[in-house]
Amino acid sequence: MTIVEVPATKVAVMAHRGDPALIGETIQRFIAWRKAAGLSPRTSATFKTSSIAIPHTTAPADFHLDLCVATDRVVAA
């Protein structure tokens, strides 16, 4: 695992809660939403955060992951 420090960055977040086996569905929704919002990965950095470092040792109900995209504008939920 690599930890990278970046300057303070405003982000829009899409949260995944629950079974890690379903992360692919959340990622697909995130990609579609990001495209619809005009937040291309070429111009808007993408980040992920998780409070659970090792998903396979965490109960599926307790797993969560946040997908984030840098933006300086207000984005509707």
PDB file of N, CA and C in Angstrom:
ATOM      1  N   MET A   1       0.847  -1.159   0.000  1.00  0.00           N
ATOM      2  CA  MET A   1       0.000   0.000   0.000  1.00  0.00           C
ATOM      3  C   MET A   1       0.899   1.230   0.000  1.00  0.00           C
ATOM      4  N   THR A   2       0.504   2.235  -0.756  1.00  0.00           N
ATOM      5  CA  THR A   2       1.222   3.492  -0.810  1.00  0.00           C
ATOM      6  C   THR A   2       0.312   4.596  -0.304  1.00  0.00           C
ATOM      7  N   ILE A   3       0.813   5.419   0.578  1.00  0.00           N
ATOM      8  CA  ILE A   3       0.068   6.574   1.060  1.00  0.00           C
ATOM      9  C   ILE A   3       0.688   7.800   0.432  1.00  0.00           C
ATOM     10  N   VAL A   4      -0.146   8.590  -0.220  1.00  0.00           N
ATOM     11  CA  VAL A   4       0.316   9.785  -0.909  1.00  0.00           C
ATOM     12  C   VAL A   4      -0.360  10.991  -0.278  1.00  0.00           C
ATOM     13  N   GLU A   5       0.429  11.982   0.117  1.00  0.00           N
ATOM     14  CA  GLU A   5      -0.131  13.208   0.659  1.00  0.00           C
ATOM     15  C   GLU A   5      -0.283  14.216  -0.465  1.00  0.00           C
ATOM     16  N   VAL A   6      -1.453  14.859  -0.519  1.00  0.00           N
ATOM     17  CA  VAL A   6      -1.729  15.877  -1.525  1.00  0.00           C
ATOM     18  C   VAL A   6      -2.223  17.135  -0.808  1.00  0.00           C
ATOM     19  N   PRO A   7      -2.127  18.282  -1.454  1.00  0.00           N
ATOM     20  CA  PRO A   7      -2.652  19.502  -0.833  1.00  0.00           C
ATOM     21  C   PRO A   7      -4.153  19.361  -0.585  1.00  0.00           C
ATOM     22  N   ALA A   8      -4.683  20.161   0.331  1.00  0.00           N
ATOM     23  CA  ALA A   8      -6.126  20.153   0.594  1.00  0.00           C
ATOM     24  C   ALA A   8      -6.868  20.291  -0.728  1.00  0.00           C
ATOM     25  N   THR A   9      -7.818  19.403  -0.962  1.00  0.00           N
ATOM     26  CA  THR A   9      -8.530  19.344  -2.234  1.00  0.00           C
ATOM     27  C   THR A   9     -10.013  19.143  -1.970  1.00  0.00           C
ATOM     28  N   LYS A  10     -10.858  19.985  -2.550  1.00  0.00           N
ATOM     29  CA  LYS A  10     -12.304  19.781  -2.439  1.00  0.00           C
ATOM     30  C   LYS A  10     -12.687  18.624  -3.361  1.00  0.00           C
ATOM     31  N   VAL A  11     -13.528  17.741  -2.859  1.00  0.00           N
ATOM     32  CA  VAL A  11     -13.936  16.591  -3.646  1.00  0.00           C
ATOM     33  C   VAL A  11     -15.439  16.367  -3.540  1.00  0.00           C
ATOM     34  N   ALA A  12     -15.974  15.709  -4.549  1.00  0.00           N
ATOM     35  CA  ALA A  12     -17.323  15.160  -4.508  1.00  0.00           C
ATOM     36  C   ALA A  12     -17.143  13.671  -4.216  1.00  0.00           C
ATOM     37  N   VAL A  13     -18.012  13.105  -3.401  1.00  0.00           N
ATOM     38  CA  VAL A  13     -17.841  11.734  -2.921  1.00  0.00           C
ATOM     39  C   VAL A  13     -19.044  10.869  -3.263  1.00  0.00           C
ATOM     40  N   MET A  14     -18.762   9.646  -3.702  1.00  0.00           N
ATOM     41  CA  MET A  14     -19.793   8.614  -3.812  1.00  0.00           C
ATOM     42  C   MET A  14     -19.351   7.493  -2.880  1.00  0.00           C
ATOM     43  N   ALA A  15     -20.198   7.158  -1.925  1.00  0.00           N
ATOM     44  CA  ALA A  15     -19.861   6.158  -0.914  1.00  0.00           C
ATOM     45  C   ALA A  15     -20.360   4.775  -1.319  1.00  0.00           C
ATOM     46  N   HIS A  16     -19.539   3.787  -1.030  1.00  0.00           N
ATOM     47  CA  HIS A  16     -19.949   2.382  -1.146  1.00  0.00           C
ATOM     48  C   HIS A  16     -20.020   1.850   0.274  1.00  0.00           C
ATOM     49  N   ARG A  17     -21.155   1.286   0.641  1.00  0.00           N
ATOM     50  CA  ARG A  17     -21.329   0.685   1.958  1.00  0.00           C
ATOM     51  C   ARG A  17     -21.802  -0.738   1.765  1.00  0.00           C
ATOM     52  N   GLY A  18     -21.166  -1.667   2.453  1.00  0.00           N
ATOM     53  CA  GLY A  18     -21.606  -3.053   2.403  1.00  0.00           C
ATOM     54  C   GLY A  18     -20.630  -3.956   1.675  1.00  0.00           C
ATOM     55  N   ASP A  19     -21.136  -5.060   1.178  1.00  0.00           N
ATOM     56  CA  ASP A  19     -20.350  -6.147   0.594  1.00  0.00           C
ATOM     57  C   ASP A  19     -19.321  -5.655  -0.425  1.00  0.00           C
ATOM     58  N   PRO A  20     -18.029  -5.924  -0.199  1.00  0.00           N
ATOM     59  CA  PRO A  20     -17.003  -5.518  -1.153  1.00  0.00           C
ATOM     60  C   PRO A  20     -17.171  -6.174  -2.524  1.00  0.00           C
ATOM     61  N   ALA A  21     -17.888  -7.275  -2.583  1.00  0.00           N
ATOM     62  CA  ALA A  21     -18.123  -7.939  -3.867  1.00  0.00           C
ATOM     63  C   ALA A  21     -18.952  -7.063  -4.803  1.00  0.00           C
ATOM     64  N   LEU A  22     -19.624  -6.057  -4.259  1.00  0.00           N
ATOM     65  CA  LEU A  22     -20.475  -5.177  -5.074  1.00  0.00           C
ATOM     66  C   LEU A  22     -19.801  -3.850  -5.420  1.00  0.00           C
ATOM     67  N   ILE A  23     -18.517  -3.708  -5.097  1.00  0.00           N
ATOM     68  CA  ILE A  23     -17.809  -2.456  -5.393  1.00  0.00           C
ATOM     69  C   ILE A  23     -17.838  -2.141  -6.888  1.00  0.00           C
ATOM     70  N   GLY A  24     -17.744  -3.150  -7.730  1.00  0.00           N
ATOM     71  CA  GLY A  24     -17.768  -2.925  -9.181  1.00  0.00           C
ATOM     72  C   GLY A  24     -18.995  -2.156  -9.621  1.00  0.00           C
ATOM     73  N   GLU A  25     -20.155  -2.445  -9.021  1.00  0.00           N
ATOM     74  CA  GLU A  25     -21.384  -1.723  -9.357  1.00  0.00           C
ATOM     75  C   GLU A  25     -21.278  -0.262  -8.948  1.00  0.00           C
ATOM     76  N   THR A  26     -20.722  -0.016  -7.768  1.00  0.00           N
ATOM     77  CA  THR A  26     -20.552   1.359  -7.300  1.00  0.00           C
ATOM     78  C   THR A  26     -19.576   2.107  -8.205  1.00  0.00           C
ATOM     79  N   ILE A  27     -18.501   1.447  -8.608  1.00  0.00           N
ATOM     80  CA  ILE A  27     -17.525   2.079  -9.497  1.00  0.00           C
ATOM     81  C   ILE A  27     -18.171   2.445 -10.829  1.00  0.00           C
ATOM     82  N   GLN A  28     -18.989   1.581 -11.374  1.00  0.00           N
ATOM     83  CA  GLN A  28     -19.667   1.879 -12.643  1.00  0.00           C
ATOM     84  C   GLN A  28     -20.608   3.072 -12.495  1.00  0.00           C
ATOM     85  N   ARG A  29     -21.338   3.148 -11.369  1.00  0.00           N
ATOM     86  CA  ARG A  29     -22.213   4.308 -11.115  1.00  0.00           C
ATOM     87  C   ARG A  29     -21.385   5.583 -10.970  1.00  0.00           C
ATOM     88  N   PHE A  30     -20.237   5.475 -10.284  1.00  0.00           N
ATOM     89  CA  PHE A  30     -19.352   6.622 -10.093  1.00  0.00           C
ATOM     90  C   PHE A  30     -18.838   7.128 -11.438  1.00  0.00           C
ATOM     91  N   ILE A  31     -18.395   6.224 -12.297  1.00  0.00           N
ATOM     92  CA  ILE A  31     -17.883   6.604 -13.616  1.00  0.00           C
ATOM     93  C   ILE A  31     -18.975   7.290 -14.425  1.00  0.00           C
ATOM     94  N   ALA A  32     -20.179   6.715 -14.432  1.00  0.00           N
ATOM     95  CA  ALA A  32     -21.294   7.314 -15.185  1.00  0.00           C
ATOM     96  C   ALA A  32     -21.639   8.694 -14.633  1.00  0.00           C
ATOM     97  N   TRP A  33     -21.680   8.819 -13.303  1.00  0.00           N
ATOM     98  CA  TRP A  33     -21.988  10.108 -12.689  1.00  0.00           C
ATOM     99  C   TRP A  33     -20.909  11.129 -13.005  1.00  0.00           C
ATOM    100  N   ARG A  34     -19.646  10.720 -12.906  1.00  0.00           N
ATOM    101  CA  ARG A  34     -18.537  11.638 -13.180  1.00  0.00           C
ATOM    102  C   ARG A  34     -18.590  12.139 -14.616  1.00  0.00           C
ATOM    103  N   LYS A  35     -18.878  11.240 -15.557  1.00  0.00           N
ATOM    104  CA  LYS A  35     -19.014  11.652 -16.963  1.00  0.00           C
ATOM    105  C   LYS A  35     -20.156  12.636 -17.133  1.00  0.00           C
ATOM    106  N   ALA A  36     -21.311  12.329 -16.523  1.00  0.00           N
ATOM    107  CA  ALA A  36     -22.478  13.216 -16.639  1.00  0.00           C
ATOM    108  C   ALA A  36     -22.197  14.592 -16.034  1.00  0.00           C
ATOM    109  N   ALA A  37     -21.358  14.636 -14.991  1.00  0.00           N
ATOM    110  CA  ALA A  37     -21.019  15.900 -14.340  1.00  0.00           C
ATOM    111  C   ALA A  37     -19.882  16.631 -15.044  1.00  0.00           C
ATOM    112  N   GLY A  38     -19.296  16.009 -16.081  1.00  0.00           N
ATOM    113  CA  GLY A  38     -18.201  16.635 -16.818  1.00  0.00           C
ATOM    114  C   GLY A  38     -16.897  16.667 -16.035  1.00  0.00           C
ATOM    115  N   LEU A  39     -16.687  15.673 -15.168  1.00  0.00           N
ATOM    116  CA  LEU A  39     -15.473  15.619 -14.357  1.00  0.00           C
ATOM    117  C   LEU A  39     -14.569  14.502 -14.867  1.00  0.00           C
ATOM    118  N   SER A  40     -13.892  14.774 -15.966  1.00  0.00           N
ATOM    119  CA  SER A  40     -13.019  13.803 -16.614  1.00  0.00           C
ATOM    120  C   SER A  40     -11.814  13.481 -15.743  1.00  0.00           C
ATOM    121  N   PRO A  41     -11.345  12.220 -15.739  1.00  0.00           N
ATOM    122  CA  PRO A  41     -10.137  11.899 -14.981  1.00  0.00           C
ATOM    123  C   PRO A  41      -8.900  12.630 -15.505  1.00  0.00           C
ATOM    124  N   ARG A  42      -8.967  13.114 -16.735  1.00  0.00           N
ATOM    125  CA  ARG A  42      -7.830  13.874 -17.279  1.00  0.00           C
ATOM    126  C   ARG A  42      -7.700  15.243 -16.630  1.00  0.00           C
ATOM    127  N   THR A  43      -8.832  15.795 -16.164  1.00  0.00           N
ATOM    128  CA  THR A  43      -8.808  17.146 -15.602  1.00  0.00           C
ATOM    129  C   THR A  43      -9.205  17.200 -14.130  1.00  0.00           C
ATOM    130  N   SER A  44      -9.742  16.110 -13.608  1.00  0.00           N
ATOM    131  CA  SER A  44     -10.205  16.068 -12.218  1.00  0.00           C
ATOM    132  C   SER A  44      -9.651  14.808 -11.546  1.00  0.00           C
ATOM    133  N   ALA A  45      -8.743  15.005 -10.621  1.00  0.00           N
ATOM    134  CA  ALA A  45      -8.114  13.866  -9.944  1.00  0.00           C
ATOM    135  C   ALA A  45      -9.152  12.981  -9.268  1.00  0.00           C
ATOM    136  N   THR A  46      -8.879  11.682  -9.249  1.00  0.00           N
ATOM    137  CA  THR A  46      -9.760  10.708  -8.624  1.00  0.00           C
ATOM    138  C   THR A  46      -9.033  10.081  -7.444  1.00  0.00           C
ATOM    139  N   PHE A  47      -9.755   9.926  -6.327  1.00  0.00           N
ATOM    140  CA  PHE A  47      -9.195   9.354  -5.113  1.00  0.00           C
ATOM    141  C   PHE A  47     -10.155   8.312  -4.566  1.00  0.00           C
ATOM    142  N   LYS A  48      -9.635   7.424  -3.725  1.00  0.00           N
ATOM    143  CA  LYS A  48     -10.508   6.537  -2.967  1.00  0.00           C
ATOM    144  C   LYS A  48     -10.032   6.532  -1.533  1.00  0.00           C
ATOM    145  N   THR A  49     -10.961   6.370  -0.624  1.00  0.00           N
ATOM    146  CA  THR A  49     -10.628   6.283   0.786  1.00  0.00           C
ATOM    147  C   THR A  49     -11.380   5.110   1.381  1.00  0.00           C
ATOM    148  N   SER A  50     -10.822   4.537   2.398  1.00  0.00           N
ATOM    149  CA  SER A  50     -11.482   3.436   3.087  1.00  0.00           C
ATOM    150  C   SER A  50     -11.010   3.426   4.527  1.00  0.00           C
ATOM    151  N   SER A  51     -11.939   3.225   5.444  1.00  0.00           N
ATOM    152  CA  SER A  51     -11.528   3.099   6.835  1.00  0.00           C
ATOM    153  C   SER A  51     -11.144   1.662   7.148  1.00  0.00           C
ATOM    154  N   ILE A  52     -11.388   0.777   6.201  1.00  0.00           N
ATOM    155  CA  ILE A  52     -11.047  -0.629   6.371  1.00  0.00           C
ATOM    156  C   ILE A  52      -9.891  -0.934   5.428  1.00  0.00           C
ATOM    157  N   ALA A  53      -8.713  -1.157   5.973  1.00  0.00           N
ATOM    158  CA  ALA A  53      -7.529  -1.345   5.135  1.00  0.00           C
ATOM    159  C   ALA A  53      -7.489  -2.714   4.471  1.00  0.00           C
ATOM    160  N   ILE A  54      -8.057  -3.737   5.110  1.00  0.00           N
ATOM    161  CA  ILE A  54      -7.980  -5.088   4.562  1.00  0.00           C
ATOM    162  C   ILE A  54      -9.393  -5.644   4.426  1.00  0.00           C
ATOM    163  N   PRO A  55     -10.034  -5.442   3.251  1.00  0.00           N
ATOM    164  CA  PRO A  55     -11.441  -5.826   3.086  1.00  0.00           C
ATOM    165  C   PRO A  55     -11.737  -7.286   3.408  1.00  0.00           C
ATOM    166  N   HIS A  56     -10.820  -8.213   3.116  1.00  0.00           N
ATOM    167  CA  HIS A  56     -11.142  -9.625   3.297  1.00  0.00           C
ATOM    168  C   HIS A  56     -11.214 -10.043   4.770  1.00  0.00           C
ATOM    169  N   THR A  57     -10.791  -9.177   5.698  1.00  0.00           N
ATOM    170  CA  THR A  57     -10.919  -9.499   7.116  1.00  0.00           C
ATOM    171  C   THR A  57     -12.069  -8.742   7.768  1.00  0.00           C
ATOM    172  N   THR A  58     -12.814  -7.995   7.000  1.00  0.00           N
ATOM    173  CA  THR A  58     -13.907  -7.179   7.504  1.00  0.00           C
ATOM    174  C   THR A  58     -15.237  -7.827   7.123  1.00  0.00           C
ATOM    175  N   ALA A  59     -16.166  -7.840   8.047  1.00  0.00           N
ATOM    176  CA  ALA A  59     -17.501  -8.354   7.735  1.00  0.00           C
ATOM    177  C   ALA A  59     -18.090  -7.507   6.612  1.00  0.00           C
ATOM    178  N   PRO A  60     -18.741  -8.120   5.606  1.00  0.00           N
ATOM    179  CA  PRO A  60     -19.288  -7.357   4.482  1.00  0.00           C
ATOM    180  C   PRO A  60     -20.166  -6.186   4.912  1.00  0.00           C
ATOM    181  N   ALA A  61     -20.949  -6.345   5.938  1.00  0.00           N
ATOM    182  CA  ALA A  61     -21.835  -5.258   6.375  1.00  0.00           C
ATOM    183  C   ALA A  61     -21.067  -4.058   6.923  1.00  0.00           C
ATOM    184  N   ASP A  62     -19.834  -4.275   7.371  1.00  0.00           N
ATOM    185  CA  ASP A  62     -19.029  -3.198   7.959  1.00  0.00           C
ATOM    186  C   ASP A  62     -18.098  -2.516   6.964  1.00  0.00           C
ATOM    187  N   PHE A  63     -17.992  -3.056   5.770  1.00  0.00           N
ATOM    188  CA  PHE A  63     -17.056  -2.505   4.792  1.00  0.00           C
ATOM    189  C   PHE A  63     -17.590  -1.198   4.209  1.00  0.00           C
ATOM    190  N   HIS A  64     -16.699  -0.238   4.033  1.00  0.00           N
ATOM    191  CA  HIS A  64     -17.080   0.966   3.278  1.00  0.00           C
ATOM    192  C   HIS A  64     -15.873   1.543   2.552  1.00  0.00           C
ATOM    193  N   LEU A  65     -16.181   2.169   1.439  1.00  0.00           N
ATOM    194  CA  LEU A  65     -15.180   2.752   0.563  1.00  0.00           C
ATOM    195  C   LEU A  65     -15.782   4.020  -0.026  1.00  0.00           C
ATOM    196  N   ASP A  66     -15.010   5.094  -0.090  1.00  0.00           N
ATOM    197  CA  ASP A  66     -15.471   6.338  -0.700  1.00  0.00           C
ATOM    198  C   ASP A  66     -14.686   6.578  -1.983  1.00  0.00           C
ATOM    199  N   LEU A  67     -15.396   6.825  -3.059  1.00  0.00           N
ATOM    200  CA  LEU A  67     -14.784   7.210  -4.334  1.00  0.00           C
ATOM    201  C   LEU A  67     -14.935   8.722  -4.435  1.00  0.00           C
ATOM    202  N   CYS A  68     -13.850   9.408  -4.739  1.00  0.00           N
ATOM    203  CA  CYS A  68     -13.843  10.876  -4.719  1.00  0.00           C
ATOM    204  C   CYS A  68     -13.280  11.420  -6.020  1.00  0.00           C
ATOM    205  N   VAL A  69     -13.800  12.565  -6.436  1.00  0.00           N
ATOM    206  CA  VAL A  69     -13.267  13.262  -7.598  1.00  0.00           C
ATOM    207  C   VAL A  69     -13.077  14.726  -7.224  1.00  0.00           C
ATOM    208  N   ALA A  70     -11.920  15.270  -7.569  1.00  0.00           N
ATOM    209  CA  ALA A  70     -11.614  16.668  -7.253  1.00  0.00           C
ATOM    210  C   ALA A  70     -12.505  17.585  -8.068  1.00  0.00           C
ATOM    211  N   THR A  71     -13.044  18.595  -7.388  1.00  0.00           N
ATOM    212  CA  THR A  71     -13.849  19.608  -8.067  1.00  0.00           C
ATOM    213  C   THR A  71     -13.915  20.850  -7.196  1.00  0.00           C
ATOM    214  N   ASP A  72     -14.003  22.003  -7.810  1.00  0.00           N
ATOM    215  CA  ASP A  72     -14.142  23.239  -7.058  1.00  0.00           C
ATOM    216  C   ASP A  72     -15.546  23.812  -7.182  1.00  0.00           C
ATOM    217  N   ARG A  73     -16.483  22.994  -7.672  1.00  0.00           N
ATOM    218  CA  ARG A  73     -17.850  23.472  -7.829  1.00  0.00           C
ATOM    219  C   ARG A  73     -18.808  22.635  -6.997  1.00  0.00           C
ATOM    220  N   VAL A  74     -19.985  23.176  -6.775  1.00  0.00           N
ATOM    221  CA  VAL A  74     -21.017  22.448  -6.049  1.00  0.00           C
ATOM    222  C   VAL A  74     -21.603  21.408  -6.990  1.00  0.00           C
ATOM    223  N   VAL A  75     -21.691  20.172  -6.517  1.00  0.00           N
ATOM    224  CA  VAL A  75     -22.224  19.084  -7.335  1.00  0.00           C
ATOM    225  C   VAL A  75     -23.463  18.543  -6.662  1.00  0.00           C
ATOM    226  N   ALA A  76     -24.551  18.425  -7.407  1.00  0.00           N
ATOM    227  CA  ALA A  76     -25.804  17.913  -6.838  1.00  0.00           C
ATOM    228  C   ALA A  76     -25.649  16.461  -6.420  1.00  0.00           C
ATOM    229  N   ALA A  77     -26.369  16.095  -5.383  1.00  0.00           N
ATOM    230  CA  ALA A  77     -26.341  14.705  -4.887  1.00  0.00           C
ATOM    231  C   ALA A  77     -26.874  13.755  -5.942  1.00  0.00           C
TER     232      ALA A  77
END
